[in-house]
């Protein structure tokens, strides 16, 4: 299952996590291009919220999120 489908199907996000999940869906190129601190600032969520989303998606870290998104970008 691709990363965008996983995000859309996740039902256990808190409100802050939902904000970041929407940011991923709306700005996937930003995720690939910038570091976690910049993304936290741009998406108005904490770095902790970002890492909670990453964990709930079953990923090992921010770099794996970047890889998953970059692999799916051409099809998204």
PDB file of N, CA and C in Angstrom:
ATOM      1  N   UNK A   1       0.855  -1.176   0.000  1.00  0.00           N
ATOM      2  CA  UNK A   1       0.000   0.000   0.000  1.00  0.00           C
ATOM      3  C   UNK A   1       0.902   1.241   0.000  1.00  0.00           C
ATOM      4  N   UNK A   2       0.555   2.211  -0.824  1.00  0.00           N
ATOM      5  CA  UNK A   2       1.409   3.400  -0.865  1.00  0.00           C
ATOM      6  C   UNK A   2       1.154   4.316   0.331  1.00  0.00           C
ATOM      7  N   UNK A   3       2.099   5.195   0.561  1.00  0.00           N
ATOM      8  CA  UNK A   3       2.096   6.044   1.752  1.00  0.00           C
ATOM      9  C   UNK A   3       0.876   6.971   1.797  1.00  0.00           C
ATOM     10  N   UNK A   4       0.441   7.462   0.650  1.00  0.00           N
ATOM     11  CA  UNK A   4      -0.704   8.380   0.628  1.00  0.00           C
ATOM     12  C   UNK A   4      -1.993   7.655   1.005  1.00  0.00           C
ATOM     13  N   UNK A   5      -2.134   6.417   0.547  1.00  0.00           N
ATOM     14  CA  UNK A   5      -3.298   5.611   0.917  1.00  0.00           C
ATOM     15  C   UNK A   5      -3.280   5.307   2.408  1.00  0.00           C
ATOM     16  N   UNK A   6      -2.093   4.978   2.943  1.00  0.00           N
ATOM     17  CA  UNK A   6      -1.979   4.712   4.383  1.00  0.00           C
ATOM     18  C   UNK A   6      -2.426   5.923   5.198  1.00  0.00           C
ATOM     19  N   UNK A   7      -2.001   7.102   4.775  1.00  0.00           N
ATOM     20  CA  UNK A   7      -2.357   8.328   5.495  1.00  0.00           C
ATOM     21  C   UNK A   7      -3.860   8.543   5.465  1.00  0.00           C
ATOM     22  N   UNK A   8      -4.457   8.360   4.299  1.00  0.00           N
ATOM     23  CA  UNK A   8      -5.907   8.571   4.155  1.00  0.00           C
ATOM     24  C   UNK A   8      -6.719   7.560   4.957  1.00  0.00           C
ATOM     25  N   UNK A   9      -6.185   6.356   5.140  1.00  0.00           N
ATOM     26  CA  UNK A   9      -6.935   5.303   5.830  1.00  0.00           C
ATOM     27  C   UNK A   9      -6.700   5.262   7.337  1.00  0.00           C
ATOM     28  N   UNK A  10      -5.690   5.966   7.834  1.00  0.00           N
ATOM     29  CA  UNK A  10      -5.390   5.954   9.272  1.00  0.00           C
ATOM     30  C   UNK A  10      -6.523   6.621  10.052  1.00  0.00           C
ATOM     31  N   UNK A  11      -7.036   5.937  11.056  1.00  0.00           N
ATOM     32  CA  UNK A  11      -8.184   6.437  11.826  1.00  0.00           C
ATOM     33  C   UNK A  11      -7.820   6.923  13.222  1.00  0.00           C
ATOM     34  N   UNK A  12      -6.569   6.756  13.639  1.00  0.00           N
ATOM     35  CA  UNK A  12      -6.207   7.036  15.028  1.00  0.00           C
ATOM     36  C   UNK A  12      -5.309   8.252  15.199  1.00  0.00           C
ATOM     37  N   UNK A  13      -5.380   9.190  14.288  1.00  0.00           N
ATOM     38  CA  UNK A  13      -4.614  10.422  14.433  1.00  0.00           C
ATOM     39  C   UNK A  13      -5.308  11.372  15.406  1.00  0.00           C
ATOM     40  N   UNK A  14      -4.524  12.052  16.232  1.00  0.00           N
ATOM     41  CA  UNK A  14      -5.066  13.136  17.060  1.00  0.00           C
ATOM     42  C   UNK A  14      -5.294  14.341  16.146  1.00  0.00           C
ATOM     43  N   UNK A  15      -5.853  15.413  16.672  1.00  0.00           N
ATOM     44  CA  UNK A  15      -6.106  16.602  15.846  1.00  0.00           C
ATOM     45  C   UNK A  15      -4.810  17.169  15.259  1.00  0.00           C
ATOM     46  N   UNK A  16      -3.774  17.268  16.069  1.00  0.00           N
ATOM     47  CA  UNK A  16      -2.488  17.771  15.586  1.00  0.00           C
ATOM     48  C   UNK A  16      -1.884  16.866  14.522  1.00  0.00           C
ATOM     49  N   UNK A  17      -2.023  15.578  14.732  1.00  0.00           N
ATOM     50  CA  UNK A  17      -1.511  14.619  13.755  1.00  0.00           C
ATOM     51  C   UNK A  17      -2.288  14.702  12.445  1.00  0.00           C
ATOM     52  N   UNK A  18      -3.587  14.939  12.535  1.00  0.00           N
ATOM     53  CA  UNK A  18      -4.399  15.108  11.315  1.00  0.00           C
ATOM     54  C   UNK A  18      -3.934  16.320  10.514  1.00  0.00           C
ATOM     55  N   UNK A  19      -3.560  17.385  11.217  1.00  0.00           N
ATOM     56  CA  UNK A  19      -3.057  18.590  10.544  1.00  0.00           C
ATOM     57  C   UNK A  19      -1.806  18.240   9.746  1.00  0.00           C
ATOM     58  N   UNK A  20      -0.898  17.492  10.357  1.00  0.00           N
ATOM     59  CA  UNK A  20       0.321  17.109   9.649  1.00  0.00           C
ATOM     60  C   UNK A  20       0.027  16.139   8.513  1.00  0.00           C
ATOM     61  N   UNK A  21      -0.875  15.203   8.727  1.00  0.00           N
ATOM     62  CA  UNK A  21      -1.238  14.253   7.668  1.00  0.00           C
ATOM     63  C   UNK A  21      -1.791  14.997   6.451  1.00  0.00           C
ATOM     64  N   UNK A  22      -2.635  15.986   6.698  1.00  0.00           N
ATOM     65  CA  UNK A  22      -3.160  16.802   5.595  1.00  0.00           C
ATOM     66  C   UNK A  22      -2.046  17.574   4.903  1.00  0.00           C
ATOM     67  N   UNK A  23      -1.093  18.053   5.679  1.00  0.00           N
ATOM     68  CA  UNK A  23       0.040  18.769   5.101  1.00  0.00           C
ATOM     69  C   UNK A  23       0.824  17.849   4.162  1.00  0.00           C
ATOM     70  N   UNK A  24       1.027  16.612   4.570  1.00  0.00           N
ATOM     71  CA  UNK A  24       1.725  15.650   3.711  1.00  0.00           C
ATOM     72  C   UNK A  24       0.976  15.489   2.394  1.00  0.00           C
ATOM     73  N   UNK A  25      -0.340  15.306   2.489  1.00  0.00           N
ATOM     74  CA  UNK A  25      -1.131  15.077   1.286  1.00  0.00           C
ATOM     75  C   UNK A  25      -1.156  16.295   0.371  1.00  0.00           C
ATOM     76  N   UNK A  26      -1.153  17.483   0.956  1.00  0.00           N
ATOM     77  CA  UNK A  26      -1.246  18.709   0.163  1.00  0.00           C
ATOM     78  C   UNK A  26       0.102  19.261  -0.288  1.00  0.00           C
ATOM     79  N   UNK A  27       1.175  18.893   0.402  1.00  0.00           N
ATOM     80  CA  UNK A  27       2.509  19.440   0.092  1.00  0.00           C
ATOM     81  C   UNK A  27       3.578  18.347   0.115  1.00  0.00           C
ATOM     82  N   UNK A  28       3.405  17.273  -0.642  1.00  0.00           N
ATOM     83  CA  UNK A  28       4.377  16.172  -0.564  1.00  0.00           C
ATOM     84  C   UNK A  28       5.788  16.580  -0.989  1.00  0.00           C
ATOM     85  N   UNK A  29       5.904  17.515  -1.925  1.00  0.00           N
ATOM     86  CA  UNK A  29       7.232  17.948  -2.370  1.00  0.00           C
ATOM     87  C   UNK A  29       8.002  18.633  -1.237  1.00  0.00           C
ATOM     88  N   UNK A  30       7.296  19.356  -0.371  1.00  0.00           N
ATOM     89  CA  UNK A  30       7.944  20.004   0.774  1.00  0.00           C
ATOM     90  C   UNK A  30       8.567  18.967   1.708  1.00  0.00           C
ATOM     91  N   UNK A  31       7.855  17.878   1.946  1.00  0.00           N
ATOM     92  CA  UNK A  31       8.340  16.843   2.859  1.00  0.00           C
ATOM     93  C   UNK A  31       9.674  16.293   2.349  1.00  0.00           C
ATOM     94  N   UNK A  32       9.735  16.030   1.059  1.00  0.00           N
ATOM     95  CA  UNK A  32      10.945  15.463   0.457  1.00  0.00           C
ATOM     96  C   UNK A  32      12.099  16.466   0.485  1.00  0.00           C
ATOM     97  N   UNK A  33      11.780  17.730   0.345  1.00  0.00           N
ATOM     98  CA  UNK A  33      12.798  18.759   0.146  1.00  0.00           C
ATOM     99  C   UNK A  33      13.393  19.327   1.452  1.00  0.00           C
ATOM    100  N   UNK A  34      12.613  19.390   2.533  1.00  0.00           N
ATOM    101  CA  UNK A  34      13.053  20.117   3.722  1.00  0.00           C
ATOM    102  C   UNK A  34      13.268  19.203   4.924  1.00  0.00           C
ATOM    103  N   UNK A  35      13.877  19.763   5.982  1.00  0.00           N
ATOM    104  CA  UNK A  35      14.113  18.986   7.196  1.00  0.00           C
ATOM    105  C   UNK A  35      12.897  19.052   8.122  1.00  0.00           C
ATOM    106  N   UNK A  36      12.930  18.229   9.156  1.00  0.00           N
ATOM    107  CA  UNK A  36      11.772  18.066  10.034  1.00  0.00           C
ATOM    108  C   UNK A  36      11.424  19.356  10.783  1.00  0.00           C
ATOM    109  N   UNK A  37      12.427  20.130  11.193  1.00  0.00           N
ATOM    110  CA  UNK A  37      12.139  21.374  11.921  1.00  0.00           C
ATOM    111  C   UNK A  37      11.414  22.380  11.019  1.00  0.00           C
ATOM    112  N   UNK A  38      11.867  22.482   9.778  1.00  0.00           N
ATOM    113  CA  UNK A  38      11.225  23.400   8.834  1.00  0.00           C
ATOM    114  C   UNK A  38       9.784  22.960   8.556  1.00  0.00           C
ATOM    115  N   UNK A  39       9.585  21.669   8.367  1.00  0.00           N
ATOM    116  CA  UNK A  39       8.240  21.136   8.094  1.00  0.00           C
ATOM    117  C   UNK A  39       7.323  21.369   9.297  1.00  0.00           C
ATOM    118  N   UNK A  40       7.845  21.198  10.508  1.00  0.00           N
ATOM    119  CA  UNK A  40       7.034  21.441  11.707  1.00  0.00           C
ATOM    120  C   UNK A  40       6.563  22.892  11.734  1.00  0.00           C
ATOM    121  N   UNK A  41       7.463  23.802  11.428  1.00  0.00           N
ATOM    122  CA  UNK A  41       7.123  25.225  11.422  1.00  0.00           C
ATOM    123  C   UNK A  41       6.096  25.549  10.336  1.00  0.00           C
ATOM    124  N   UNK A  42       6.316  25.022   9.129  1.00  0.00           N
ATOM    125  CA  UNK A  42       5.419  25.294   8.003  1.00  0.00           C
ATOM    126  C   UNK A  42       4.033  24.682   8.192  1.00  0.00           C
ATOM    127  N   UNK A  43       3.977  23.525   8.841  1.00  0.00           N
ATOM    128  CA  UNK A  43       2.695  22.831   8.998  1.00  0.00           C
ATOM    129  C   UNK A  43       2.000  23.165  10.322  1.00  0.00           C
ATOM    130  N   UNK A  44       2.644  24.005  11.148  1.00  0.00           N
ATOM    131  CA  UNK A  44       2.082  24.441  12.441  1.00  0.00           C
ATOM    132  C   UNK A  44       1.830  23.277  13.399  1.00  0.00           C
ATOM    133  N   UNK A  45       2.727  22.295  13.382  1.00  0.00           N
ATOM    134  CA  UNK A  45       2.646  21.196  14.350  1.00  0.00           C
ATOM    135  C   UNK A  45       4.019  21.031  15.006  1.00  0.00           C
ATOM    136  N   UNK A  46       4.050  20.287  16.089  1.00  0.00           N
ATOM    137  CA  UNK A  46       5.326  20.048  16.768  1.00  0.00           C
ATOM    138  C   UNK A  46       6.097  18.928  16.070  1.00  0.00           C
ATOM    139  N   UNK A  47       7.393  18.913  16.302  1.00  0.00           N
ATOM    140  CA  UNK A  47       8.225  17.827  15.784  1.00  0.00           C
ATOM    141  C   UNK A  47       7.733  16.497  16.361  1.00  0.00           C
ATOM    142  N   UNK A  48       7.296  16.508  17.622  1.00  0.00           N
ATOM    143  CA  UNK A  48       6.778  15.276  18.244  1.00  0.00           C
ATOM    144  C   UNK A  48       5.564  14.748  17.503  1.00  0.00           C
ATOM    145  N   UNK A  49       4.666  15.641  17.089  1.00  0.00           N
ATOM    146  CA  UNK A  49       3.477  15.214  16.342  1.00  0.00           C
ATOM    147  C   UNK A  49       3.890  14.561  15.020  1.00  0.00           C
ATOM    148  N   UNK A  50       4.897  15.124  14.379  1.00  0.00           N
ATOM    149  CA  UNK A  50       5.392  14.545  13.126  1.00  0.00           C
ATOM    150  C   UNK A  50       5.891  13.122  13.374  1.00  0.00           C
ATOM    151  N   UNK A  51       6.673  12.946  14.429  1.00  0.00           N
ATOM    152  CA  UNK A  51       7.202  11.616  14.707  1.00  0.00           C
ATOM    153  C   UNK A  51       6.116  10.634  15.163  1.00  0.00           C
ATOM    154  N   UNK A  52       5.066  11.118  15.798  1.00  0.00           N
ATOM    155  CA  UNK A  52       3.942  10.232  16.149  1.00  0.00           C
ATOM    156  C   UNK A  52       3.237   9.750  14.883  1.00  0.00           C
ATOM    157  N   UNK A  53       3.052  10.631  13.913  1.00  0.00           N
ATOM    158  CA  UNK A  53       2.446  10.242  12.637  1.00  0.00           C
ATOM    159  C   UNK A  53       3.330   9.202  11.945  1.00  0.00           C
ATOM    160  N   UNK A  54       4.624   9.465  11.917  1.00  0.00           N
ATOM    161  CA  UNK A  54       5.571   8.530  11.288  1.00  0.00           C
ATOM    162  C   UNK A  54       5.466   7.155  11.943  1.00  0.00           C
ATOM    163  N   UNK A  55       5.397   7.133  13.269  1.00  0.00           N
ATOM    164  CA  UNK A  55       5.284   5.863  13.994  1.00  0.00           C
ATOM    165  C   UNK A  55       3.966   5.158  13.670  1.00  0.00           C
ATOM    166  N   UNK A  56       2.870   5.906  13.645  1.00  0.00           N
ATOM    167  CA  UNK A  56       1.569   5.303  13.337  1.00  0.00           C
ATOM    168  C   UNK A  56       1.499   4.767  11.914  1.00  0.00           C
ATOM    169  N   UNK A  57       2.307   5.318  11.031  1.00  0.00           N
ATOM    170  CA  UNK A  57       2.365   4.826   9.652  1.00  0.00           C
ATOM    171  C   UNK A  57       3.303   3.628   9.514  1.00  0.00           C
ATOM    172  N   UNK A  58       3.956   3.241  10.616  1.00  0.00           N
ATOM    173  CA  UNK A  58       4.841   2.081  10.606  1.00  0.00           C
ATOM    174  C   UNK A  58       6.192   2.347   9.975  1.00  0.00           C
ATOM    175  N   UNK A  59       6.614   3.605   9.982  1.00  0.00           N
ATOM    176  CA  UNK A  59       7.897   3.980   9.393  1.00  0.00           C
ATOM    177  C   UNK A  59       8.943   4.146  10.489  1.00  0.00           C
ATOM    178  N   UNK A  60      10.214   4.060  10.101  1.00  0.00           N
ATOM    179  CA  UNK A  60      11.287   4.110  11.091  1.00  0.00           C
ATOM    180  C   UNK A  60      11.753   5.527  11.413  1.00  0.00           C
ATOM    181  N   UNK A  61      11.425   6.487  10.567  1.00  0.00           N
ATOM    182  CA  UNK A  61      11.854   7.856  10.844  1.00  0.00           C
ATOM    183  C   UNK A  61      11.505   8.796   9.711  1.00  0.00           C
ATOM    184  N   UNK A  62      11.913  10.055   9.869  1.00  0.00           N
ATOM    185  CA  UNK A  62      11.588  11.093   8.890  1.00  0.00           C
ATOM    186  C   UNK A  62      12.210  10.784   7.529  1.00  0.00           C
ATOM    187  N   UNK A  63      13.429  10.242   7.533  1.00  0.00           N
ATOM    188  CA  UNK A  63      14.067   9.906   6.252  1.00  0.00           C
ATOM    189  C   UNK A  63      13.298   8.825   5.503  1.00  0.00           C
ATOM    190  N   UNK A  64      12.760   7.857   6.224  1.00  0.00           N
ATOM    191  CA  UNK A  64      11.960   6.824   5.548  1.00  0.00           C
ATOM    192  C   UNK A  64      10.678   7.433   4.995  1.00  0.00           C
ATOM    193  N   UNK A  65      10.086   8.386   5.713  1.00  0.00           N
ATOM    194  CA  UNK A  65       8.908   9.085   5.192  1.00  0.00           C
ATOM    195  C   UNK A  65       9.255   9.782   3.876  1.00  0.00           C
ATOM    196  N   UNK A  66      10.399  10.463   3.850  1.00  0.00           N
ATOM    197  CA  UNK A  66      10.843  11.142   2.628  1.00  0.00           C
ATOM    198  C   UNK A  66      11.001  10.158   1.473  1.00  0.00           C
ATOM    199  N   UNK A  67      11.622   9.011   1.752  1.00  0.00           N
ATOM    200  CA  UNK A  67      11.832   8.003   0.710  1.00  0.00           C
ATOM    201  C   UNK A  67      10.495   7.481   0.187  1.00  0.00           C
ATOM    202  N   UNK A  68       9.590   7.143   1.101  1.00  0.00           N
ATOM    203  CA  UNK A  68       8.276   6.619   0.698  1.00  0.00           C
ATOM    204  C   UNK A  68       7.518   7.630  -0.163  1.00  0.00           C
ATOM    205  N   UNK A  69       7.558   8.883   0.239  1.00  0.00           N
ATOM    206  CA  UNK A  69       6.863   9.923  -0.525  1.00  0.00           C
ATOM    207  C   UNK A  69       7.520  10.103  -1.886  1.00  0.00           C
ATOM    208  N   UNK A  70       8.837  10.160  -1.930  1.00  0.00           N
ATOM    209  CA  UNK A  70       9.509  10.382  -3.210  1.00  0.00           C
ATOM    210  C   UNK A  70       9.256   9.228  -4.180  1.00  0.00           C
ATOM    211  N   UNK A  71       9.140   8.009  -3.666  1.00  0.00           N
ATOM    212  CA  UNK A  71       8.842   6.857  -4.517  1.00  0.00           C
ATOM    213  C   UNK A  71       7.435   6.952  -5.122  1.00  0.00           C
ATOM    214  N   UNK A  72       6.514   7.578  -4.390  1.00  0.00           N
ATOM    215  CA  UNK A  72       5.117   7.650  -4.846  1.00  0.00           C
ATOM    216  C   UNK A  72       4.755   8.928  -5.572  1.00  0.00           C
ATOM    217  N   UNK A  73       5.623   9.921  -5.546  1.00  0.00           N
ATOM    218  CA  UNK A  73       5.277  11.236  -6.104  1.00  0.00           C
ATOM    219  C   UNK A  73       4.893  11.198  -7.568  1.00  0.00           C
ATOM    220  N   UNK A  74       5.570  10.388  -8.357  1.00  0.00           N
ATOM    221  CA  UNK A  74       5.255  10.373  -9.782  1.00  0.00           C
ATOM    222  C   UNK A  74       3.865   9.805 -10.071  1.00  0.00           C
ATOM    223  N   UNK A  75       3.336   9.029  -9.141  1.00  0.00           N
ATOM    224  CA  UNK A  75       1.997   8.447  -9.319  1.00  0.00           C
ATOM    225  C   UNK A  75       0.905   9.212  -8.587  1.00  0.00           C
ATOM    226  N   UNK A  76       1.284  10.247  -7.843  1.00  0.00           N
ATOM    227  CA  UNK A  76       0.317  10.951  -6.992  1.00  0.00           C
ATOM    228  C   UNK A  76      -0.240  12.154  -7.691  1.00  0.00           C
TER     229      UNK A  76
END
